[in-house]
PDB file of all heavy atoms in Angstrom:
ATOM      1  N   THR A   1     128.442 130.167 144.401  1.00  0.00           N
ATOM      2  CA  THR A   1     128.202 128.759 144.727  1.00  0.00           C
ATOM      3  C   THR A   1     127.353 128.595 145.986  1.00  0.00           C
ATOM      4  O   THR A   1     126.632 127.599 146.116  1.00  0.00           O
ATOM      5  CB  THR A   1     129.531 128.005 144.906  1.00  0.00           C
ATOM      6  OG1 THR A   1     130.342 128.659 145.887  1.00  0.00           O
ATOM      7  CG2 THR A   1     130.289 127.946 143.588  1.00  0.00           C
ATOM      8  N   GLY A   2     127.437 129.541 146.896  1.00  0.00           N
ATOM      9  CA  GLY A   2     126.586 129.460 148.069  1.00  0.00           C
ATOM     10  C   GLY A   2     125.118 129.569 147.709  1.00  0.00           C
ATOM     11  O   GLY A   2     124.281 128.803 148.197  1.00  0.00           O
ATOM     12  N   ARG A   3     124.803 130.521 146.838  1.00  0.00           N
ATOM     13  CA  ARG A   3     123.424 130.671 146.377  1.00  0.00           C
ATOM     14  C   ARG A   3     123.001 129.462 145.546  1.00  0.00           C
ATOM     15  O   ARG A   3     121.877 128.959 145.670  1.00  0.00           O
ATOM     16  CB  ARG A   3     123.286 131.948 145.552  1.00  0.00           C
ATOM     17  CG  ARG A   3     121.851 132.234 145.094  1.00  0.00           C
ATOM     18  CD  ARG A   3     121.761 133.558 144.380  1.00  0.00           C
ATOM     19  NE  ARG A   3     122.623 133.575 143.196  1.00  0.00           N
ATOM     20  CZ  ARG A   3     122.813 134.649 142.434  1.00  0.00           C
ATOM     21  NH1 ARG A   3     122.230 135.799 142.749  1.00  0.00           N
ATOM     22  NH2 ARG A   3     123.591 134.583 141.368  1.00  0.00           N
ATOM     23  N   ASP A   4     123.907 128.973 144.690  1.00  0.00           N
ATOM     24  CA  ASP A   4     123.599 127.777 143.901  1.00  0.00           C
ATOM     25  C   ASP A   4     123.273 126.592 144.802  1.00  0.00           C
ATOM     26  O   ASP A   4     122.298 125.866 144.574  1.00  0.00           O
ATOM     27  CB  ASP A   4     124.785 127.414 143.003  1.00  0.00           C
ATOM     28  CG  ASP A   4     125.037 128.438 141.910  1.00  0.00           C
ATOM     29  OD1 ASP A   4     124.093 129.178 141.552  1.00  0.00           O
ATOM     30  OD2 ASP A   4     126.180 128.502 141.424  1.00  0.00           O
ATOM     31  N   ALA A   5     124.095 126.391 145.831  1.00  0.00           N
ATOM     32  CA  ALA A   5     123.886 125.254 146.738  1.00  0.00           C
ATOM     33  C   ALA A   5     122.552 125.361 147.462  1.00  0.00           C
ATOM     34  O   ALA A   5     121.849 124.359 147.642  1.00  0.00           O
ATOM     35  CB  ALA A   5     125.038 125.169 147.735  1.00  0.00           C
ATOM     36  N   SER A   6     122.180 126.564 147.871  1.00  0.00           N
ATOM     37  CA  SER A   6     120.909 126.731 148.580  1.00  0.00           C
ATOM     38  C   SER A   6     119.716 126.456 147.676  1.00  0.00           C
ATOM     39  O   SER A   6     118.704 125.902 148.113  1.00  0.00           O
ATOM     40  CB  SER A   6     120.812 128.136 149.174  1.00  0.00           C
ATOM     41  OG  SER A   6     120.742 129.121 148.143  1.00  0.00           O
ATOM     42  N   LYS A   7     119.836 126.810 146.401  1.00  0.00           N
ATOM     43  CA  LYS A   7     118.746 126.544 145.463  1.00  0.00           C
ATOM     44  C   LYS A   7     118.652 125.051 145.144  1.00  0.00           C
ATOM     45  O   LYS A   7     117.566 124.492 145.019  1.00  0.00           O
ATOM     46  CB  LYS A   7     118.940 127.363 144.180  1.00  0.00           C
ATOM     47  CG  LYS A   7     118.716 128.857 144.366  1.00  0.00           C
ATOM     48  CD  LYS A   7     118.868 129.609 143.076  1.00  0.00           C
ATOM     49  CE  LYS A   7     118.597 131.100 143.259  1.00  0.00           C
ATOM     50  NZ  LYS A   7     117.193 131.380 143.610  1.00  0.00           N
ATOM     51  N   ILE A   8     119.813 124.397 144.991  1.00  0.00           N
ATOM     52  CA  ILE A   8     119.819 122.961 144.692  1.00  0.00           C
ATOM     53  C   ILE A   8     119.304 122.149 145.874  1.00  0.00           C
ATOM     54  O   ILE A   8     118.665 121.110 145.691  1.00  0.00           O
ATOM     55  CB  ILE A   8     121.250 122.517 144.315  1.00  0.00           C
ATOM     56  CG1 ILE A   8     121.657 123.114 142.976  1.00  0.00           C
ATOM     57  CG2 ILE A   8     121.343 120.996 144.235  1.00  0.00           C
ATOM     58  CD1 ILE A   8     123.107 122.848 142.617  1.00  0.00           C
ATOM     59  N   ALA A   9     119.576 122.616 147.083  1.00  0.00           N
ATOM     60  CA  ALA A   9     119.240 121.843 148.282  1.00  0.00           C
ATOM     61  C   ALA A   9     117.750 121.529 148.382  1.00  0.00           C
ATOM     62  O   ALA A   9     117.369 120.513 148.986  1.00  0.00           O
ATOM     63  CB  ALA A   9     119.703 122.593 149.526  1.00  0.00           C
ATOM     64  N   VAL A  10     116.897 122.372 147.813  1.00  0.00           N
ATOM     65  CA  VAL A  10     115.450 122.149 147.904  1.00  0.00           C
ATOM     66  C   VAL A  10     114.901 121.430 146.672  1.00  0.00           C
ATOM     67  O   VAL A  10     113.688 121.235 146.565  1.00  0.00           O
ATOM     68  CB  VAL A  10     114.702 123.486 148.112  1.00  0.00           C
ATOM     69  CG1 VAL A  10     115.128 124.131 149.421  1.00  0.00           C
ATOM     70  CG2 VAL A  10     114.949 124.453 146.948  1.00  0.00           C
ATOM     71  N   LEU A  11     115.783 121.044 145.765  1.00  0.00           N
ATOM     72  CA  LEU A  11     115.375 120.335 144.547  1.00  0.00           C
ATOM     73  C   LEU A  11     115.902 118.906 144.634  1.00  0.00           C
ATOM     74  O   LEU A  11     117.103 118.667 144.493  1.00  0.00           O
ATOM     75  CB  LEU A  11     115.925 121.053 143.308  1.00  0.00           C
ATOM     76  CG  LEU A  11     115.500 122.524 143.156  1.00  0.00           C
ATOM     77  CD1 LEU A  11     116.239 123.170 141.997  1.00  0.00           C
ATOM     78  CD2 LEU A  11     113.992 122.638 142.974  1.00  0.00           C
ATOM     79  N   PRO A  12     115.054 117.918 144.861  1.00  0.00           N
ATOM     80  CA  PRO A  12     115.522 116.579 145.238  1.00  0.00           C
ATOM     81  C   PRO A  12     116.111 115.732 144.118  1.00  0.00           C
ATOM     82  O   PRO A  12     116.821 114.767 144.395  1.00  0.00           O
ATOM     83  CB  PRO A  12     114.256 115.916 145.786  1.00  0.00           C
ATOM     84  CG  PRO A  12     113.129 116.605 145.073  1.00  0.00           C
ATOM     85  CD  PRO A  12     113.581 118.014 144.899  1.00  0.00           C
ATOM     86  N   HIS A  13     115.823 116.053 142.859  1.00  0.00           N
ATOM     87  CA  HIS A  13     116.293 115.212 141.753  1.00  0.00           C
ATOM     88  C   HIS A  13     117.470 115.900 141.063  1.00  0.00           C
ATOM     89  O   HIS A  13     117.341 117.005 140.540  1.00  0.00           O
ATOM     90  CB  HIS A  13     115.159 114.961 140.758  1.00  0.00           C
ATOM     91  CG  HIS A  13     113.926 114.427 141.402  1.00  0.00           C
ATOM     92  ND1 HIS A  13     113.889 113.211 142.046  1.00  0.00           N
ATOM     93  CD2 HIS A  13     112.682 114.961 141.535  1.00  0.00           C
ATOM     94  CE1 HIS A  13     112.676 113.001 142.531  1.00  0.00           C
ATOM     95  NE2 HIS A  13     111.933 114.047 142.242  1.00  0.00           N
ATOM     96  N   ARG A  14     118.633 115.206 141.050  1.00  0.00           N
ATOM     97  CA  ARG A  14     119.862 115.827 140.539  1.00  0.00           C
ATOM     98  C   ARG A  14     120.617 114.838 139.674  1.00  0.00           C
ATOM     99  O   ARG A  14     120.858 113.693 140.085  1.00  0.00           O
ATOM    100  CB  ARG A  14     120.742 116.286 141.695  1.00  0.00           C
ATOM    101  CG  ARG A  14     120.027 117.213 142.676  1.00  0.00           C
ATOM    102  CD  ARG A  14     120.761 117.280 144.000  1.00  0.00           C
ATOM    103  NE  ARG A  14     119.949 117.974 145.000  1.00  0.00           N
ATOM    104  CZ  ARG A  14     119.843 117.589 146.268  1.00  0.00           C
ATOM    105  NH1 ARG A  14     120.480 116.514 146.687  1.00  0.00           N
ATOM    106  NH2 ARG A  14     119.103 118.269 147.098  1.00  0.00           N
ATOM    107  N   VAL A  15     120.990 115.279 138.489  1.00  0.00           N
ATOM    108  CA  VAL A  15     121.796 114.448 137.590  1.00  0.00           C
ATOM    109  C   VAL A  15     122.887 115.307 136.966  1.00  0.00           C
ATOM    110  O   VAL A  15     122.724 116.529 136.824  1.00  0.00           O
ATOM    111  CB  VAL A  15     120.954 113.785 136.478  1.00  0.00           C
ATOM    112  CG1 VAL A  15     119.998 112.753 137.055  1.00  0.00           C
ATOM    113  CG2 VAL A  15     120.201 114.822 135.667  1.00  0.00           C
ATOM    114  N   LEU A  16     123.969 114.662 136.597  1.00  0.00           N
ATOM    115  CA  LEU A  16     125.097 115.337 135.966  1.00  0.00           C
ATOM    116  C   LEU A  16     125.388 114.675 134.626  1.00  0.00           C
ATOM    117  O   LEU A  16     125.271 113.458 134.490  1.00  0.00           O
ATOM    118  CB  LEU A  16     126.327 115.273 136.868  1.00  0.00           C
ATOM    119  CG  LEU A  16     127.570 116.010 136.340  1.00  0.00           C
ATOM    120  CD1 LEU A  16     128.197 116.845 137.441  1.00  0.00           C
ATOM    121  CD2 LEU A  16     128.589 115.014 135.796  1.00  0.00           C
ATOM    122  N   ALA A  17     125.760 115.479 133.626  1.00  0.00           N
ATOM    123  CA  ALA A  17     126.005 114.966 132.278  1.00  0.00           C
ATOM    124  C   ALA A  17     127.388 115.395 131.793  1.00  0.00           C
ATOM    125  O   ALA A  17     127.840 116.507 132.071  1.00  0.00           O
ATOM    126  CB  ALA A  17     124.938 115.470 131.311  1.00  0.00           C
ATOM    127  N   TYR A  18     128.038 114.490 131.059  1.00  0.00           N
ATOM    128  CA  TYR A  18     129.331 114.798 130.454  1.00  0.00           C
ATOM    129  C   TYR A  18     129.478 113.999 129.167  1.00  0.00           C
ATOM    130  O   TYR A  18     128.708 113.078 128.892  1.00  0.00           O
ATOM    131  CB  TYR A  18     130.480 114.479 131.421  1.00  0.00           C
ATOM    132  CG  TYR A  18     130.560 113.025 131.837  1.00  0.00           C
ATOM    133  CD1 TYR A  18     131.317 112.104 131.111  1.00  0.00           C
ATOM    134  CD2 TYR A  18     129.891 112.575 132.972  1.00  0.00           C
ATOM    135  CE1 TYR A  18     131.391 110.768 131.482  1.00  0.00           C
ATOM    136  CE2 TYR A  18     129.960 111.242 133.357  1.00  0.00           C
ATOM    137  CZ  TYR A  18     130.713 110.347 132.615  1.00  0.00           C
ATOM    138  OH  TYR A  18     130.776 109.024 132.976  1.00  0.00           O
ATOM    139  N   ARG A  19     130.479 114.364 128.370  1.00  0.00           N
ATOM    140  CA  ARG A  19     130.750 113.676 127.110  1.00  0.00           C
ATOM    141  C   ARG A  19     131.513 112.393 127.405  1.00  0.00           C
ATOM    142  O   ARG A  19     132.597 112.427 127.972  1.00  0.00           O
ATOM    143  CB  ARG A  19     131.552 114.587 126.175  1.00  0.00           C
ATOM    144  CG  ARG A  19     131.712 114.062 124.753  1.00  0.00           C
ATOM    145  CD  ARG A  19     132.512 115.066 123.935  1.00  0.00           C
ATOM    146  NE  ARG A  19     132.540 114.717 122.512  1.00  0.00           N
ATOM    147  CZ  ARG A  19     133.432 113.914 121.956  1.00  0.00           C
ATOM    148  NH1 ARG A  19     134.372 113.354 122.709  1.00  0.00           N
ATOM    149  NH2 ARG A  19     133.396 113.657 120.662  1.00  0.00           N
ATOM    150  N   GLY A  20     130.940 111.246 126.996  1.00  0.00           N
ATOM    151  CA  GLY A  20     131.550 109.956 127.273  1.00  0.00           C
ATOM    152  C   GLY A  20     132.700 109.635 126.347  1.00  0.00           C
ATOM    153  O   GLY A  20     133.024 110.385 125.416  1.00  0.00           O
ATOM    154  N   ALA A  21     133.315 108.478 126.582  1.00  0.00           N
ATOM    155  CA  ALA A  21     134.501 108.083 125.826  1.00  0.00           C
ATOM    156  C   ALA A  21     134.230 107.909 124.340  1.00  0.00           C
ATOM    157  O   ALA A  21     135.130 108.067 123.518  1.00  0.00           O
ATOM    158  CB  ALA A  21     135.073 106.784 126.408  1.00  0.00           C
ATOM    159  N   ASP A  22     132.994 107.570 123.965  1.00  0.00           N
ATOM    160  CA  ASP A  22     132.660 107.378 122.551  1.00  0.00           C
ATOM    161  C   ASP A  22     131.904 108.558 121.955  1.00  0.00           C
ATOM    162  O   ASP A  22     131.332 108.451 120.873  1.00  0.00           O
ATOM    163  CB  ASP A  22     131.856 106.090 122.367  1.00  0.00           C
ATOM    164  CG  ASP A  22     130.540 106.107 123.139  1.00  0.00           C
ATOM    165  OD1 ASP A  22     130.293 107.088 123.880  1.00  0.00           O
ATOM    166  OD2 ASP A  22     129.763 105.147 123.011  1.00  0.00           O
ATOM    167  N   GLY A  23     131.910 109.684 122.661  1.00  0.00           N
ATOM    168  CA  GLY A  23     131.278 110.885 122.132  1.00  0.00           C
ATOM    169  C   GLY A  23     129.807 111.028 122.447  1.00  0.00           C
ATOM    170  O   GLY A  23     129.196 112.031 122.079  1.00  0.00           O
ATOM    171  N   ARG A  24     129.220 110.066 123.123  1.00  0.00           N
ATOM    172  CA  ARG A  24     127.816 110.176 123.513  1.00  0.00           C
ATOM    173  C   ARG A  24     127.701 110.831 124.892  1.00  0.00           C
ATOM    174  O   ARG A  24     128.556 110.622 125.751  1.00  0.00           O
ATOM    175  CB  ARG A  24     127.156 108.802 123.548  1.00  0.00           C
ATOM    176  CG  ARG A  24     127.053 108.093 122.208  1.00  0.00           C
ATOM    177  CD  ARG A  24     126.363 106.745 122.404  1.00  0.00           C
ATOM    178  NE  ARG A  24     126.137 106.044 121.147  1.00  0.00           N
ATOM    179  CZ  ARG A  24     126.975 105.163 120.617  1.00  0.00           C
ATOM    180  NH1 ARG A  24     128.124 104.890 121.241  1.00  0.00           N
ATOM    181  NH2 ARG A  24     126.690 104.562 119.480  1.00  0.00           N
ATOM    182  N   PRO A  25     126.635 111.583 125.131  1.00  0.00           N
ATOM    183  CA  PRO A  25     126.438 112.112 126.473  1.00  0.00           C
ATOM    184  C   PRO A  25     126.194 110.979 127.472  1.00  0.00           C
ATOM    185  O   PRO A  25     125.529 109.989 127.154  1.00  0.00           O
ATOM    186  CB  PRO A  25     125.191 112.992 126.345  1.00  0.00           C
ATOM    187  CG  PRO A  25     125.010 113.222 124.886  1.00  0.00           C
ATOM    188  CD  PRO A  25     125.578 112.020 124.202  1.00  0.00           C
ATOM    189  N   VAL A  26     126.725 111.135 128.665  1.00  0.00           N
ATOM    190  CA  VAL A  26     126.478 110.223 129.777  1.00  0.00           C
ATOM    191  C   VAL A  26     125.786 111.020 130.872  1.00  0.00           C
ATOM    192  O   VAL A  26     126.226 112.130 131.215  1.00  0.00           O
ATOM    193  CB  VAL A  26     127.789 109.616 130.315  1.00  0.00           C
ATOM    194  CG1 VAL A  26     127.511 108.722 131.521  1.00  0.00           C
ATOM    195  CG2 VAL A  26     128.509 108.827 129.228  1.00  0.00           C
ATOM    196  N   VAL A  27     124.705 110.486 131.420  1.00  0.00           N
ATOM    197  CA  VAL A  27     123.961 111.151 132.489  1.00  0.00           C
ATOM    198  C   VAL A  27     123.937 110.221 133.695  1.00  0.00           C
ATOM    199  O   VAL A  27     123.557 109.051 133.566  1.00  0.00           O
ATOM    200  CB  VAL A  27     122.521 111.495 132.061  1.00  0.00           C
ATOM    201  CG1 VAL A  27     121.800 112.267 133.166  1.00  0.00           C
ATOM    202  CG2 VAL A  27     122.514 112.288 130.760  1.00  0.00           C
ATOM    203  N   VAL A  28     124.346 110.737 134.865  1.00  0.00           N
ATOM    204  CA  VAL A  28     124.409 109.914 136.070  1.00  0.00           C
ATOM    205  C   VAL A  28     123.786 110.666 137.246  1.00  0.00           C
ATOM    206  O   VAL A  28     123.797 111.906 137.272  1.00  0.00           O
ATOM    207  CB  VAL A  28     125.861 109.525 136.414  1.00  0.00           C
ATOM    208  CG1 VAL A  28     126.468 108.674 135.297  1.00  0.00           C
ATOM    209  CG2 VAL A  28     126.720 110.753 136.672  1.00  0.00           C
ATOM    210  N   PRO A  29     123.246 109.940 138.228  1.00  0.00           N
ATOM    211  CA  PRO A  29     122.691 110.602 139.410  1.00  0.00           C
ATOM    212  C   PRO A  29     123.795 111.080 140.339  1.00  0.00           C
ATOM    213  O   PRO A  29     124.826 110.421 140.498  1.00  0.00           O
ATOM    214  CB  PRO A  29     121.855 109.490 140.066  1.00  0.00           C
ATOM    215  CG  PRO A  29     122.534 108.221 139.648  1.00  0.00           C
ATOM    216  CD  PRO A  29     123.071 108.473 138.274  1.00  0.00           C
ATOM    217  N   VAL A  30     123.579 112.232 140.955  1.00  0.00           N
ATOM    218  CA  VAL A  30     124.535 112.778 141.923  1.00  0.00           C
ATOM    219  C   VAL A  30     123.776 113.354 143.109  1.00  0.00           C
ATOM    220  O   VAL A  30     122.582 113.661 143.020  1.00  0.00           O
ATOM    221  CB  VAL A  30     125.432 113.870 141.297  1.00  0.00           C
ATOM    222  CG1 VAL A  30     126.344 113.292 140.232  1.00  0.00           C
ATOM    223  CG2 VAL A  30     124.596 115.015 140.734  1.00  0.00           C
ATOM    224  N   GLU A  31     124.503 113.506 144.218  1.00  0.00           N
ATOM    225  CA  GLU A  31     123.967 114.160 145.402  1.00  0.00           C
ATOM    226  C   GLU A  31     124.870 115.325 145.769  1.00  0.00           C
ATOM    227  O   GLU A  31     126.075 115.311 145.495  1.00  0.00           O
ATOM    228  CB  GLU A  31     123.878 113.172 146.572  1.00  0.00           C
ATOM    229  CG  GLU A  31     122.888 112.042 146.376  1.00  0.00           C
ATOM    230  CD  GLU A  31     121.445 112.515 146.324  1.00  0.00           C
ATOM    231  OE1 GLU A  31     121.170 113.628 146.830  1.00  0.00           O
ATOM    232  OE2 GLU A  31     120.607 111.789 145.773  1.00  0.00           O
ATOM    233  N   LEU A  32     124.279 116.337 146.385  1.00  0.00           N
ATOM    234  CA  LEU A  32     125.026 117.500 146.840  1.00  0.00           C
ATOM    235  C   LEU A  32     125.528 117.247 148.257  1.00  0.00           C
ATOM    236  O   LEU A  32     124.743 116.941 149.161  1.00  0.00           O
ATOM    237  CB  LEU A  32     124.142 118.745 146.801  1.00  0.00           C
ATOM    238  CG  LEU A  32     124.777 120.051 147.274  1.00  0.00           C
ATOM    239  CD1 LEU A  32     125.892 120.471 146.330  1.00  0.00           C
ATOM    240  CD2 LEU A  32     123.717 121.149 147.385  1.00  0.00           C
ATOM    241  N   ALA A  33     126.851 117.398 148.456  1.00  0.00           N
ATOM    242  CA  ALA A  33     127.444 117.136 149.771  1.00  0.00           C
ATOM    243  C   ALA A  33     128.001 118.399 150.411  1.00  0.00           C
ATOM    244  O   ALA A  33     128.704 118.320 151.418  1.00  0.00           O
ATOM    245  CB  ALA A  33     128.547 116.088 149.635  1.00  0.00           C
ATOM    246  N   GLY A  34     127.728 119.564 149.840  1.00  0.00           N
ATOM    247  CA  GLY A  34     128.229 120.814 150.390  1.00  0.00           C
ATOM    248  C   GLY A  34     128.835 121.687 149.312  1.00  0.00           C
ATOM    249  O   GLY A  34     128.770 121.381 148.117  1.00  0.00           O
ATOM    250  N   HIS A  35     129.438 122.777 149.743  1.00  0.00           N
ATOM    251  CA  HIS A  35     130.079 123.690 148.795  1.00  0.00           C
ATOM    252  C   HIS A  35     131.191 124.454 149.499  1.00  0.00           C
ATOM    253  O   HIS A  35     131.218 124.567 150.729  1.00  0.00           O
ATOM    254  CB  HIS A  35     129.060 124.659 148.200  1.00  0.00           C
ATOM    255  CG  HIS A  35     128.602 125.707 149.175  1.00  0.00           C
ATOM    256  ND1 HIS A  35     127.659 125.462 150.155  1.00  0.00           N
ATOM    257  CD2 HIS A  35     128.973 127.013 149.325  1.00  0.00           C
ATOM    258  CE1 HIS A  35     127.450 126.548 150.871  1.00  0.00           C
ATOM    259  NE2 HIS A  35     128.238 127.505 150.385  1.00  0.00           N
ATOM    260  N   ASP A  36     132.119 124.976 148.710  1.00  0.00           N
ATOM    261  CA  ASP A  36     133.172 125.834 149.225  1.00  0.00           C
ATOM    262  C   ASP A  36     133.645 126.727 148.084  1.00  0.00           C
ATOM    263  O   ASP A  36     132.972 126.816 147.044  1.00  0.00           O
ATOM    264  CB  ASP A  36     134.329 125.014 149.830  1.00  0.00           C
ATOM    265  CG  ASP A  36     134.863 123.947 148.886  1.00  0.00           C
ATOM    266  OD1 ASP A  36     134.829 124.171 147.650  1.00  0.00           O
ATOM    267  OD2 ASP A  36     135.300 122.895 149.362  1.00  0.00           O
ATOM    268  N   ALA A  37     134.799 127.361 148.264  1.00  0.00           N
ATOM    269  CA  ALA A  37     135.283 128.289 147.249  1.00  0.00           C
ATOM    270  C   ALA A  37     135.586 127.599 145.924  1.00  0.00           C
ATOM    271  O   ALA A  37     135.547 128.228 144.857  1.00  0.00           O
ATOM    272  CB  ALA A  37     136.533 129.003 147.762  1.00  0.00           C
ATOM    273  N   ALA A  38     135.870 126.290 145.971  1.00  0.00           N
ATOM    274  CA  ALA A  38     136.197 125.551 144.744  1.00  0.00           C
ATOM    275  C   ALA A  38     134.965 125.194 143.942  1.00  0.00           C
ATOM    276  O   ALA A  38     135.058 124.963 142.734  1.00  0.00           O
ATOM    277  CB  ALA A  38     136.985 124.295 145.084  1.00  0.00           C
ATOM    278  N   GLY A  39     133.806 125.119 144.591  1.00  0.00           N
ATOM    279  CA  GLY A  39     132.581 124.773 143.879  1.00  0.00           C
ATOM    280  C   GLY A  39     131.656 123.913 144.711  1.00  0.00           C
ATOM    281  O   GLY A  39     131.726 123.880 145.950  1.00  0.00           O
ATOM    282  N   LEU A  40     130.779 123.193 144.022  1.00  0.00           N
ATOM    283  CA  LEU A  40     129.809 122.313 144.664  1.00  0.00           C
ATOM    284  C   LEU A  40     130.434 120.936 144.845  1.00  0.00           C
ATOM    285  O   LEU A  40     131.002 120.371 143.913  1.00  0.00           O
ATOM    286  CB  LEU A  40     128.551 122.194 143.802  1.00  0.00           C
ATOM    287  CG  LEU A  40     127.857 123.515 143.439  1.00  0.00           C
ATOM    288  CD1 LEU A  40     126.726 123.243 142.447  1.00  0.00           C
ATOM    289  CD2 LEU A  40     127.326 124.221 144.681  1.00  0.00           C
ATOM    290  N   ARG A  41     130.313 120.392 146.048  1.00  0.00           N
ATOM    291  CA  ARG A  41     130.838 119.061 146.333  1.00  0.00           C
ATOM    292  C   ARG A  41     129.762 118.033 146.008  1.00  0.00           C
ATOM    293  O   ARG A  41     128.651 118.080 146.545  1.00  0.00           O
ATOM    294  CB  ARG A  41     131.244 118.954 147.806  1.00  0.00           C
ATOM    295  CG  ARG A  41     132.342 119.931 148.192  1.00  0.00           C
ATOM    296  CD  ARG A  41     133.694 119.469 147.707  1.00  0.00           C
ATOM    297  NE  ARG A  41     134.733 120.495 147.866  1.00  0.00           N
ATOM    298  CZ  ARG A  41     136.021 120.282 147.670  1.00  0.00           C
ATOM    299  NH1 ARG A  41     136.423 119.069 147.315  1.00  0.00           N
ATOM    300  NH2 ARG A  41     136.898 121.250 147.818  1.00  0.00           N
ATOM    301  N   LEU A  42     130.091 117.100 145.117  1.00  0.00           N
ATOM    302  CA  LEU A  42     129.124 116.110 144.654  1.00  0.00           C
ATOM    303  C   LEU A  42     129.535 114.708 145.087  1.00  0.00           C
ATOM    304  O   LEU A  42     130.717 114.411 145.256  1.00  0.00           O
ATOM    305  CB  LEU A  42     129.003 116.148 143.126  1.00  0.00           C
ATOM    306  CG  LEU A  42     128.597 117.483 142.490  1.00  0.00           C
ATOM    307  CD1 LEU A  42     128.528 117.338 140.978  1.00  0.00           C
ATOM    308  CD2 LEU A  42     127.277 117.980 143.047  1.00  0.00           C
TER     309      LEU A  42
END
């Protein structure tokens, strides 16, 4: 995750996708707020 965070930090456009309540993909903007052993903080 440390390496992932460093690579993401220089890429300004970030979106996250998940399966919505009706089965369609949902895509939303996110920002990176740091990282730790649990993962990337969004």
